[in-house]
C-alpha cells in the first residue's frame, strides 16, 4: 500500500468534519424520541445512521494518518 501524506490543514479539516458529523448523529438520534410523525422519525433514523457511518469512515482516515500510512 502506498503511503499517503496529508497536509496539516487537511487533517484539521477532517477533524472539523468529524466534529460536525458526530454532533449531527447525536442530534438526529435524540430528536427521534421527540418526533411524533412516522416519516420524520424515519428520516431522522436514516440521517443518524448516515452520520454514524461517516464518523466511522473519518475515524479510519485519522487512524491511518496517526499510523503514518
N, C-alpha and C. Protein backbone atom coordinates (compact mmCIF):
# COMPACT_ATOMS: atom_id res chain seq x y z
N UNK A 1 0.84 -1.17 0.00
CA UNK A 1 0.00 0.00 0.00
C UNK A 1 0.89 1.24 0.00
N UNK A 2 0.54 2.21 -0.80
CA UNK A 2 1.31 3.43 -0.88
C UNK A 2 1.05 4.31 0.34
N UNK A 3 2.09 4.97 0.79
CA UNK A 3 1.96 5.87 1.92
C UNK A 3 1.29 7.16 1.45
N UNK A 4 0.31 7.61 2.21
CA UNK A 4 -0.40 8.83 1.87
C UNK A 4 0.00 9.91 2.86
N UNK A 5 0.44 11.02 2.35
CA UNK A 5 0.81 12.15 3.19
C UNK A 5 -0.30 13.19 3.14
N UNK A 6 -0.74 13.60 4.29
CA UNK A 6 -1.77 14.62 4.39
C UNK A 6 -1.14 15.90 4.94
N UNK A 7 -1.53 17.02 4.40
CA UNK A 7 -1.08 18.30 4.92
C UNK A 7 -1.81 18.56 6.24
N UNK A 8 -1.21 19.41 7.05
CA UNK A 8 -1.79 19.71 8.37
C UNK A 8 -3.21 20.27 8.24
N UNK A 9 -3.44 21.12 7.25
CA UNK A 9 -4.78 21.70 7.11
C UNK A 9 -5.81 20.65 6.70
N UNK A 10 -5.37 19.62 5.98
CA UNK A 10 -6.29 18.54 5.59
C UNK A 10 -6.71 17.72 6.81
N UNK A 11 -5.76 17.44 7.67
CA UNK A 11 -6.06 16.69 8.90
C UNK A 11 -7.00 17.51 9.78
N UNK A 12 -6.74 18.81 9.87
CA UNK A 12 -7.60 19.68 10.66
C UNK A 12 -9.02 19.70 10.10
N UNK A 13 -9.16 19.74 8.80
CA UNK A 13 -10.48 19.73 8.18
C UNK A 13 -11.22 18.41 8.45
N UNK A 14 -10.50 17.31 8.43
CA UNK A 14 -11.13 16.02 8.74
C UNK A 14 -11.62 16.03 10.18
N UNK A 15 -10.83 16.60 11.10
CA UNK A 15 -11.26 16.71 12.49
C UNK A 15 -12.52 17.57 12.60
N UNK A 16 -12.56 18.66 11.85
CA UNK A 16 -13.73 19.54 11.89
C UNK A 16 -14.98 18.82 11.37
N UNK A 17 -14.84 18.11 10.28
CA UNK A 17 -15.96 17.36 9.71
C UNK A 17 -16.41 16.28 10.68
N UNK A 18 -15.46 15.62 11.31
CA UNK A 18 -15.79 14.59 12.30
C UNK A 18 -16.61 15.17 13.44
N UNK A 19 -16.24 16.34 13.91
CA UNK A 19 -16.98 17.01 14.98
C UNK A 19 -18.41 17.31 14.54
N UNK A 20 -18.57 17.82 13.33
CA UNK A 20 -19.89 18.16 12.81
C UNK A 20 -20.75 16.90 12.65
N UNK A 21 -20.18 15.85 12.08
CA UNK A 21 -20.93 14.62 11.87
C UNK A 21 -21.29 13.95 13.19
N UNK A 22 -20.42 14.04 14.18
CA UNK A 22 -20.72 13.48 15.50
C UNK A 22 -21.90 14.21 16.13
N UNK A 23 -21.89 15.52 16.02
CA UNK A 23 -23.00 16.32 16.57
C UNK A 23 -24.29 16.02 15.82
N UNK A 24 -24.19 15.87 14.51
CA UNK A 24 -25.37 15.57 13.69
C UNK A 24 -25.97 14.22 14.08
N UNK A 25 -25.12 13.23 14.27
CA UNK A 25 -25.59 11.90 14.66
C UNK A 25 -26.29 11.95 16.02
N UNK A 26 -25.68 12.67 16.95
CA UNK A 26 -26.27 12.77 18.29
C UNK A 26 -27.61 13.50 18.25
N UNK A 27 -27.67 14.60 17.51
CA UNK A 27 -28.90 15.37 17.43
C UNK A 27 -30.03 14.57 16.78
N UNK A 28 -29.71 13.90 15.68
CA UNK A 28 -30.74 13.10 14.99
C UNK A 28 -31.24 11.97 15.87
N UNK A 29 -30.32 11.34 16.59
CA UNK A 29 -30.71 10.25 17.49
C UNK A 29 -31.63 10.75 18.60
N UNK A 30 -31.30 11.89 19.17
CA UNK A 30 -32.11 12.44 20.26
C UNK A 30 -33.47 12.94 19.76
N UNK A 31 -33.48 13.52 18.58
CA UNK A 31 -34.72 14.08 18.05
C UNK A 31 -35.73 12.99 17.66
N UNK A 32 -35.25 11.79 17.40
CA UNK A 32 -36.15 10.69 17.07
C UNK A 32 -37.17 10.46 18.17
N UNK A 33 -36.73 10.58 19.41
CA UNK A 33 -37.61 10.38 20.54
C UNK A 33 -38.66 11.46 20.69
N UNK A 34 -38.37 12.62 20.16
CA UNK A 34 -39.31 13.74 20.29
C UNK A 34 -40.28 13.84 19.13
N UNK A 35 -39.92 13.24 18.00
CA UNK A 35 -40.77 13.35 16.81
C UNK A 35 -41.99 12.45 16.94
N UNK A 36 -43.13 12.98 16.55
CA UNK A 36 -44.35 12.18 16.60
C UNK A 36 -44.76 11.68 15.21
N UNK A 37 -44.26 12.33 14.17
CA UNK A 37 -44.57 11.93 12.81
C UNK A 37 -43.70 10.74 12.39
N UNK A 38 -44.34 9.72 11.83
CA UNK A 38 -43.63 8.49 11.45
C UNK A 38 -42.57 8.75 10.38
N UNK A 39 -42.91 9.55 9.37
CA UNK A 39 -41.96 9.84 8.29
C UNK A 39 -40.76 10.64 8.82
N UNK A 40 -41.03 11.58 9.71
CA UNK A 40 -39.95 12.37 10.30
C UNK A 40 -39.01 11.47 11.11
N UNK A 41 -39.58 10.54 11.86
CA UNK A 41 -38.75 9.60 12.63
C UNK A 41 -37.87 8.77 11.71
N UNK A 42 -38.44 8.33 10.58
CA UNK A 42 -37.66 7.54 9.62
C UNK A 42 -36.52 8.37 9.03
N UNK A 43 -36.80 9.62 8.70
CA UNK A 43 -35.76 10.50 8.16
C UNK A 43 -34.66 10.73 9.18
N UNK A 44 -35.05 10.95 10.42
CA UNK A 44 -34.06 11.15 11.47
C UNK A 44 -33.22 9.89 11.70
N UNK A 45 -33.88 8.74 11.61
CA UNK A 45 -33.16 7.47 11.77
C UNK A 45 -32.15 7.28 10.64
N UNK A 46 -32.55 7.58 9.41
CA UNK A 46 -31.64 7.46 8.27
C UNK A 46 -30.48 8.45 8.39
N UNK A 47 -30.79 9.67 8.83
CA UNK A 47 -29.74 10.67 9.00
C UNK A 47 -28.75 10.27 10.07
N UNK A 48 -29.26 9.73 11.17
CA UNK A 48 -28.38 9.29 12.26
C UNK A 48 -27.48 8.15 11.78
N UNK A 49 -28.04 7.21 11.04
CA UNK A 49 -27.24 6.09 10.53
C UNK A 49 -26.17 6.57 9.54
N UNK A 50 -26.55 7.49 8.66
CA UNK A 50 -25.59 8.01 7.68
C UNK A 50 -24.48 8.80 8.39
N UNK A 51 -24.84 9.57 9.38
CA UNK A 51 -23.84 10.33 10.13
C UNK A 51 -22.91 9.41 10.90
N UNK A 52 -23.44 8.35 11.48
CA UNK A 52 -22.61 7.40 12.22
C UNK A 52 -21.64 6.68 11.28
N UNK A 53 -22.10 6.37 10.08
CA UNK A 53 -21.22 5.73 9.09
C UNK A 53 -20.11 6.69 8.67
N UNK A 54 -20.45 7.95 8.50
CA UNK A 54 -19.45 8.96 8.15
C UNK A 54 -18.41 9.11 9.26
N UNK A 55 -18.88 9.06 10.50
CA UNK A 55 -17.97 9.16 11.65
C UNK A 55 -16.97 7.99 11.62
N UNK A 56 -17.46 6.80 11.34
CA UNK A 56 -16.58 5.62 11.27
C UNK A 56 -15.51 5.80 10.19
N UNK A 57 -15.94 6.28 9.02
CA UNK A 57 -15.02 6.47 7.91
C UNK A 57 -13.97 7.55 8.24
N UNK A 58 -14.41 8.63 8.84
CA UNK A 58 -13.49 9.71 9.20
C UNK A 58 -12.49 9.25 10.25
N UNK A 59 -12.96 8.46 11.21
CA UNK A 59 -12.04 7.93 12.24
C UNK A 59 -11.00 7.00 11.61
N UNK A 60 -11.42 6.23 10.63
CA UNK A 60 -10.49 5.35 9.93
C UNK A 60 -9.40 6.17 9.25
N UNK A 61 -9.80 7.25 8.62
CA UNK A 61 -8.83 8.12 7.96
C UNK A 61 -7.84 8.68 8.98
N UNK A 62 -8.36 9.16 10.09
CA UNK A 62 -7.47 9.75 11.12
C UNK A 62 -6.55 8.70 11.74
N UNK A 63 -7.03 7.48 11.89
CA UNK A 63 -6.17 6.41 12.41
C UNK A 63 -5.02 6.13 11.45
N UNK A 64 -5.31 6.15 10.16
CA UNK A 64 -4.27 5.94 9.16
C UNK A 64 -3.24 7.06 9.18
N UNK A 65 -3.71 8.27 9.39
CA UNK A 65 -2.80 9.42 9.46
C UNK A 65 -1.88 9.27 10.68
N UNK A 66 -2.45 8.85 11.81
CA UNK A 66 -1.66 8.69 13.03
C UNK A 66 -0.62 7.59 12.88
N UNK A 67 -0.96 6.54 12.14
CA UNK A 67 -0.03 5.43 11.92
C UNK A 67 0.99 5.76 10.85
N UNK A 68 0.73 6.80 10.07
CA UNK A 68 1.65 7.18 9.01
C UNK A 68 1.47 6.38 7.73
N UNK A 69 0.30 5.82 7.54
CA UNK A 69 0.03 5.02 6.34
C UNK A 69 -0.29 5.91 5.16
